[in-house]
Amino acid sequence: MRLWPWLLAGIALGLILTARAAAKPAPAANGAQLWTDNVTSWLDNLTQDAAANERRYRPAIEAAERSYGLPPGLLARLLYQESHYRTDIITGQKRSTAGALGIAQFLPATAADLGIDPLDPVQAINGAARYLSTLYAAFGDWKLALAAYNFGWGNVQKGRPWPDETVAYVGDISTDVGLA
């Protein structure tokens, strides 16, 4: 899930509150400042939470990358793209609009096919590495494997045009980890 639409909505609301505060007596301005402080605090907590989760799961991610022969950093970057290492996503409190769950954002059917619990981070990390390795074996190219992870194995296999989300997904991850 991308935070930008929510962040922009929050900024717009802040601008509205600030404009209203300027037209009213001082107590309204304090309310706008309280709102701004709350949003700043929420973003700080979210960032700290994600950083702590990334550190917590880093050993399992690196072990899975080595075990399944993935390029260094690829799985870590994919998991960041999928969950941003947010606790509410990792625990399943927040699902994707497609119904994907957990740190690796598996659809329930894919998780079942892999024999993993998508809400168990260690199982999901290993499942994601195994699945990505399988996709690479099928397509012979890491970018195609990433596209299949995001857009679906069948869609890539059939040569369907990638949606903008998949183009960005593959481009962002492959650029960040230095895939040719």
C-alpha atoms as a PDB file:
ATOM      1  CA  MET A   1       0.000   0.000   0.000  1.00  0.00           C
ATOM      2  CA  ARG A   2       1.317   3.418  -0.835  1.00  0.00           C
ATOM      3  CA  LEU A   3       1.178   6.038   1.911  1.00  0.00           C
ATOM      4  CA  TRP A   4       1.415   9.017  -0.425  1.00  0.00           C
ATOM      5  CA  PRO A   5      -2.343   9.371  -1.081  1.00  0.00           C
ATOM      6  CA  TRP A   6      -3.028   9.279   2.660  1.00  0.00           C
ATOM      7  CA  LEU A   7      -0.168  11.614   3.420  1.00  0.00           C
ATOM      8  CA  LEU A   8      -1.338  14.087   0.774  1.00  0.00           C
ATOM      9  CA  ALA A   9      -4.886  13.902   2.131  1.00  0.00           C
ATOM     10  CA  GLY A  10      -3.502  14.605   5.593  1.00  0.00           C
ATOM     11  CA  ILE A  11      -1.491  17.560   4.329  1.00  0.00           C
ATOM     12  CA  ALA A  12      -4.564  18.935   2.571  1.00  0.00           C
ATOM     13  CA  LEU A  13      -6.586  18.565   5.763  1.00  0.00           C
ATOM     14  CA  GLY A  14      -3.777  20.285   7.668  1.00  0.00           C
ATOM     15  CA  LEU A  15      -3.813  23.188   5.233  1.00  0.00           C
ATOM     16  CA  ILE A  16      -7.566  23.493   5.623  1.00  0.00           C
ATOM     17  CA  LEU A  17      -7.279  23.434   9.414  1.00  0.00           C
ATOM     18  CA  THR A  18      -4.453  25.958   9.287  1.00  0.00           C
ATOM     19  CA  ALA A  19      -6.488  28.263   7.037  1.00  0.00           C
ATOM     20  CA  ARG A  20      -9.466  27.986   9.390  1.00  0.00           C
ATOM     21  CA  ALA A  21      -7.221  28.587  12.372  1.00  0.00           C
ATOM     22  CA  ALA A  22      -5.923  31.792  10.788  1.00  0.00           C
ATOM     23  CA  ALA A  23      -9.486  33.060  10.433  1.00  0.00           C
ATOM     24  CA  LYS A  24     -10.417  32.228  14.065  1.00  0.00           C
ATOM     25  CA  PRO A  25      -9.112  33.157  17.487  1.00  0.00           C
ATOM     26  CA  ALA A  26      -5.924  31.590  18.891  1.00  0.00           C
ATOM     27  CA  PRO A  27      -7.496  28.374  20.356  1.00  0.00           C
ATOM     28  CA  ALA A  28      -8.221  27.070  16.834  1.00  0.00           C
ATOM     29  CA  ALA A  29      -4.583  27.607  15.861  1.00  0.00           C
ATOM     30  CA  ASN A  30      -3.587  25.474  18.870  1.00  0.00           C
ATOM     31  CA  GLY A  31      -5.934  22.761  17.543  1.00  0.00           C
ATOM     32  CA  ALA A  32      -4.212  22.871  14.163  1.00  0.00           C
ATOM     33  CA  GLN A  33      -0.827  22.606  15.878  1.00  0.00           C
ATOM     34  CA  LEU A  34      -2.075  19.647  17.944  1.00  0.00           C
ATOM     35  CA  TRP A  35      -3.213  17.929  14.713  1.00  0.00           C
ATOM     36  CA  THR A  36       0.169  18.576  13.090  1.00  0.00           C
ATOM     37  CA  ASP A  37       1.987  17.258  16.165  1.00  0.00           C
ATOM     38  CA  ASN A  38      -0.189  14.111  16.174  1.00  0.00           C
ATOM     39  CA  VAL A  39       0.476  13.404  12.486  1.00  0.00           C
ATOM     40  CA  THR A  40       4.207  13.970  12.975  1.00  0.00           C
ATOM     41  CA  SER A  41       4.195  11.630  15.981  1.00  0.00           C
ATOM     42  CA  TRP A  42       2.248   8.983  14.030  1.00  0.00           C
ATOM     43  CA  LEU A  43       4.714   9.137  11.114  1.00  0.00           C
ATOM     44  CA  ASP A  44       7.694   8.946  13.497  1.00  0.00           C
ATOM     45  CA  ASN A  45       6.199   5.877  15.218  1.00  0.00           C
ATOM     46  CA  LEU A  46       5.451   4.229  11.882  1.00  0.00           C
ATOM     47  CA  THR A  47       9.021   4.794  10.682  1.00  0.00           C
ATOM     48  CA  GLN A  48      10.538   3.544  13.946  1.00  0.00           C
ATOM     49  CA  ASP A  49       8.247   0.487  13.913  1.00  0.00           C
ATOM     50  CA  ALA A  50       9.220  -0.378  10.326  1.00  0.00           C
ATOM     51  CA  ALA A  51      12.935   0.043  11.065  1.00  0.00           C
ATOM     52  CA  ALA A  52      12.663  -2.229  14.120  1.00  0.00           C
ATOM     53  CA  ASN A  53      10.839  -4.883  12.075  1.00  0.00           C
ATOM     54  CA  GLU A  54      13.404  -4.688   9.286  1.00  0.00           C
ATOM     55  CA  ARG A  55      16.184  -5.262  11.853  1.00  0.00           C
ATOM     56  CA  ARG A  56      14.208  -8.080  13.522  1.00  0.00           C
ATOM     57  CA  TYR A  57      13.692 -10.032  10.291  1.00  0.00           C
ATOM     58  CA  ARG A  58      17.001  -9.204   8.578  1.00  0.00           C
ATOM     59  CA  PRO A  59      18.773 -12.450   9.682  1.00  0.00           C
ATOM     60  CA  ALA A  60      15.906 -14.622   8.369  1.00  0.00           C
ATOM     61  CA  ILE A  61      15.813 -12.630   5.117  1.00  0.00           C
ATOM     62  CA  GLU A  62      19.550 -12.938   4.516  1.00  0.00           C
ATOM     63  CA  ALA A  63      19.477 -16.669   5.331  1.00  0.00           C
ATOM     64  CA  ALA A  64      16.589 -17.205   2.885  1.00  0.00           C
ATOM     65  CA  GLU A  65      18.401 -15.233   0.163  1.00  0.00           C
ATOM     66  CA  ARG A  66      21.464 -17.456   0.576  1.00  0.00           C
ATOM     67  CA  SER A  67      19.452 -20.660   0.833  1.00  0.00           C
ATOM     68  CA  TYR A  68      17.499 -20.010  -2.383  1.00  0.00           C
ATOM     69  CA  GLY A  69      20.301 -18.350  -4.363  1.00  0.00           C
ATOM     70  CA  LEU A  70      18.703 -14.910  -4.604  1.00  0.00           C
ATOM     71  CA  PRO A  71      20.811 -11.833  -5.381  1.00  0.00           C
ATOM     72  CA  PRO A  72      21.847 -10.094  -2.144  1.00  0.00           C
ATOM     73  CA  GLY A  73      19.244  -7.581  -1.025  1.00  0.00           C
ATOM     74  CA  LEU A  74      16.558  -8.698  -3.504  1.00  0.00           C
ATOM     75  CA  LEU A  75      14.281 -10.379  -0.983  1.00  0.00           C
ATOM     76  CA  ALA A  76      14.744  -7.594   1.568  1.00  0.00           C
ATOM     77  CA  ARG A  77      13.786  -4.991  -1.047  1.00  0.00           C
ATOM     78  CA  LEU A  78      10.820  -7.044  -2.273  1.00  0.00           C
ATOM     79  CA  LEU A  79       9.505  -7.415   1.284  1.00  0.00           C
ATOM     80  CA  TYR A  80       9.905  -3.684   1.837  1.00  0.00           C
ATOM     81  CA  GLN A  81       7.916  -3.023  -1.328  1.00  0.00           C
ATOM     82  CA  GLU A  82       5.223  -5.461  -0.227  1.00  0.00           C
ATOM     83  CA  SER A  83       4.813  -4.524   3.446  1.00  0.00           C
ATOM     84  CA  HIS A  84       7.101  -1.576   4.193  1.00  0.00           C
ATOM     85  CA  TYR A  85       7.876  -3.743   7.255  1.00  0.00           C
ATOM     86  CA  ARG A  86       4.772  -2.302   8.948  1.00  0.00           C
ATOM     87  CA  THR A  87       3.480  -4.290  11.918  1.00  0.00           C
ATOM     88  CA  ASP A  88      -0.170  -3.829  10.928  1.00  0.00           C
ATOM     89  CA  ILE A  89       0.559  -5.389   7.534  1.00  0.00           C
ATOM     90  CA  ILE A  90       2.851  -8.139   8.870  1.00  0.00           C
ATOM     91  CA  THR A  91       0.233  -9.230  11.442  1.00  0.00           C
ATOM     92  CA  GLY A  92      -2.660  -9.119   8.981  1.00  0.00           C
ATOM     93  CA  GLN A  93      -4.491  -6.273  10.724  1.00  0.00           C
ATOM     94  CA  LYS A  94      -4.237  -4.530   7.365  1.00  0.00           C
ATOM     95  CA  ARG A  95      -4.870  -6.483   4.150  1.00  0.00           C
ATOM     96  CA  SER A  96      -4.287  -5.359   0.614  1.00  0.00           C
ATOM     97  CA  THR A  97      -7.298  -4.549  -1.534  1.00  0.00           C
ATOM     98  CA  ALA A  98      -6.708  -7.906  -3.271  1.00  0.00           C
ATOM     99  CA  GLY A  99      -6.728  -9.725   0.090  1.00  0.00           C
ATOM    100  CA  ALA A 100      -2.970 -10.324   0.333  1.00  0.00           C
ATOM    101  CA  LEU A 101      -1.569 -10.898   3.808  1.00  0.00           C
ATOM    102  CA  GLY A 102       1.623 -10.598   5.798  1.00  0.00           C
ATOM    103  CA  ILE A 103       5.174  -9.424   5.279  1.00  0.00           C
ATOM    104  CA  ALA A 104       5.350 -10.989   1.793  1.00  0.00           C
ATOM    105  CA  GLN A 105       1.737 -10.073   0.867  1.00  0.00           C
ATOM    106  CA  PHE A 106       0.680 -13.551  -0.208  1.00  0.00           C
ATOM    107  CA  LEU A 107      -2.812 -14.210  -1.451  1.00  0.00           C
ATOM    108  CA  PRO A 108      -4.325 -17.007   0.645  1.00  0.00           C
ATOM    109  CA  ALA A 109      -4.339 -19.432  -2.332  1.00  0.00           C
ATOM    110  CA  THR A 110      -0.639 -18.834  -3.057  1.00  0.00           C
ATOM    111  CA  ALA A 111       0.237 -19.271   0.623  1.00  0.00           C
ATOM    112  CA  ALA A 112      -1.723 -22.533   0.674  1.00  0.00           C
ATOM    113  CA  ASP A 113       0.069 -23.729  -2.482  1.00  0.00           C
ATOM    114  CA  LEU A 114       3.389 -22.993  -0.773  1.00  0.00           C
ATOM    115  CA  GLY A 115       2.245 -24.657   2.457  1.00  0.00           C
ATOM    116  CA  ILE A 116       2.939 -21.594   4.581  1.00  0.00           C
ATOM    117  CA  ASP A 117       1.096 -19.348   7.006  1.00  0.00           C
ATOM    118  CA  PRO A 118       1.377 -15.868   5.454  1.00  0.00           C
ATOM    119  CA  LEU A 119       1.024 -14.290   8.906  1.00  0.00           C
ATOM    120  CA  ASP A 120       4.054 -16.144  10.274  1.00  0.00           C
ATOM    121  CA  PRO A 121       6.863 -13.821   9.162  1.00  0.00           C
ATOM    122  CA  VAL A 122       9.585 -16.494   9.120  1.00  0.00           C
ATOM    123  CA  GLN A 123       7.420 -18.893   7.084  1.00  0.00           C
ATOM    124  CA  ALA A 124       6.407 -16.059   4.751  1.00  0.00           C
ATOM    125  CA  ILE A 125      10.018 -14.914   4.285  1.00  0.00           C
ATOM    126  CA  ASN A 126      11.129 -18.432   3.376  1.00  0.00           C
ATOM    127  CA  GLY A 127       8.045 -18.921   1.213  1.00  0.00           C
ATOM    128  CA  ALA A 128       8.718 -15.673  -0.655  1.00  0.00           C
ATOM    129  CA  ALA A 129      12.348 -16.666  -1.282  1.00  0.00           C
ATOM    130  CA  ARG A 130      11.326 -20.134  -2.477  1.00  0.00           C
ATOM    131  CA  TYR A 131       8.572 -18.708  -4.699  1.00  0.00           C
ATOM    132  CA  LEU A 132      10.864 -16.049  -6.180  1.00  0.00           C
ATOM    133  CA  SER A 133      13.504 -18.708  -6.857  1.00  0.00           C
ATOM    134  CA  THR A 134      10.862 -20.854  -8.574  1.00  0.00           C
ATOM    135  CA  LEU A 135       9.747 -17.905 -10.686  1.00  0.00           C
ATOM    136  CA  TYR A 136      13.347 -17.223 -11.692  1.00  0.00           C
ATOM    137  CA  ALA A 137      13.785 -20.887 -12.679  1.00  0.00           C
ATOM    138  CA  ALA A 138      10.632 -20.648 -14.805  1.00  0.00           C
ATOM    139  CA  PHE A 139      11.423 -17.337 -16.538  1.00  0.00           C
ATOM    140  CA  GLY A 140      15.240 -17.185 -16.410  1.00  0.00           C
ATOM    141  CA  ASP A 141      15.218 -13.476 -15.588  1.00  0.00           C
ATOM    142  CA  TRP A 142      14.942 -11.705 -12.230  1.00  0.00           C
ATOM    143  CA  LYS A 143      12.845  -8.872 -13.645  1.00  0.00           C
ATOM    144  CA  LEU A 144      10.343 -11.331 -15.088  1.00  0.00           C
ATOM    145  CA  ALA A 145      10.356 -13.190 -11.761  1.00  0.00           C
ATOM    146  CA  LEU A 146       9.550  -9.921  -9.960  1.00  0.00           C
ATOM    147  CA  ALA A 147       6.797  -9.152 -12.462  1.00  0.00           C
ATOM    148  CA  ALA A 148       5.303 -12.617 -11.922  1.00  0.00           C
ATOM    149  CA  TYR A 149       5.451 -12.153  -8.134  1.00  0.00           C
ATOM    150  CA  ASN A 150       3.510  -8.908  -8.464  1.00  0.00           C
ATOM    151  CA  PHE A 151       1.275  -9.462 -11.506  1.00  0.00           C
ATOM    152  CA  GLY A 152       0.887 -13.230 -11.440  1.00  0.00           C
ATOM    153  CA  TRP A 153       2.752 -16.139 -12.956  1.00  0.00           C
ATOM    154  CA  GLY A 154       0.058 -16.792 -15.553  1.00  0.00           C
ATOM    155  CA  ASN A 155      -0.137 -13.174 -16.668  1.00  0.00           C
ATOM    156  CA  VAL A 156       3.603 -12.995 -17.291  1.00  0.00           C
ATOM    157  CA  GLN A 157       3.664 -16.449 -18.909  1.00  0.00           C
ATOM    158  CA  LYS A 158       0.902 -15.398 -21.320  1.00  0.00           C
ATOM    159  CA  GLY A 159       2.796 -12.220 -22.212  1.00  0.00           C
ATOM    160  CA  ARG A 160       0.070  -9.881 -21.013  1.00  0.00           C
ATOM    161  CA  PRO A 161       1.076  -6.217 -20.861  1.00  0.00           C
ATOM    162  CA  TRP A 162       2.202  -5.215 -17.393  1.00  0.00           C
ATOM    163  CA  PRO A 163       0.056  -2.679 -15.558  1.00  0.00           C
ATOM    164  CA  ASP A 164       1.733   0.539 -14.432  1.00  0.00           C
ATOM    165  CA  GLU A 165       1.940  -0.804 -10.863  1.00  0.00           C
ATOM    166  CA  THR A 166       3.993  -3.801 -12.032  1.00  0.00           C
ATOM    167  CA  VAL A 167       6.240  -1.669 -14.249  1.00  0.00           C
ATOM    168  CA  ALA A 168       6.996   0.569 -11.243  1.00  0.00           C
ATOM    169  CA  TYR A 169       7.363  -2.430  -8.907  1.00  0.00           C
ATOM    170  CA  VAL A 170       9.919  -4.164 -11.132  1.00  0.00           C
ATOM    171  CA  GLY A 171      11.740  -0.922 -11.938  1.00  0.00           C
ATOM    172  CA  ASP A 172      11.992   0.251  -8.332  1.00  0.00           C
ATOM    173  CA  ILE A 173      13.198  -3.066  -6.919  1.00  0.00           C
ATOM    174  CA  SER A 174      15.593  -3.936  -9.745  1.00  0.00           C
ATOM    175  CA  THR A 175      17.152  -0.459  -9.713  1.00  0.00           C
ATOM    176  CA  ASP A 176      17.602  -0.488  -5.938  1.00  0.00           C
ATOM    177  CA  VAL A 177      19.361  -3.877  -5.913  1.00  0.00           C
ATOM    178  CA  GLY A 178      21.313  -3.348  -9.133  1.00  0.00           C
ATOM    179  CA  LEU A 179      19.730  -5.952 -11.391  1.00  0.00           C
ATOM    180  CA  ALA A 180      20.819  -5.523 -15.002  1.00  0.00           C
END
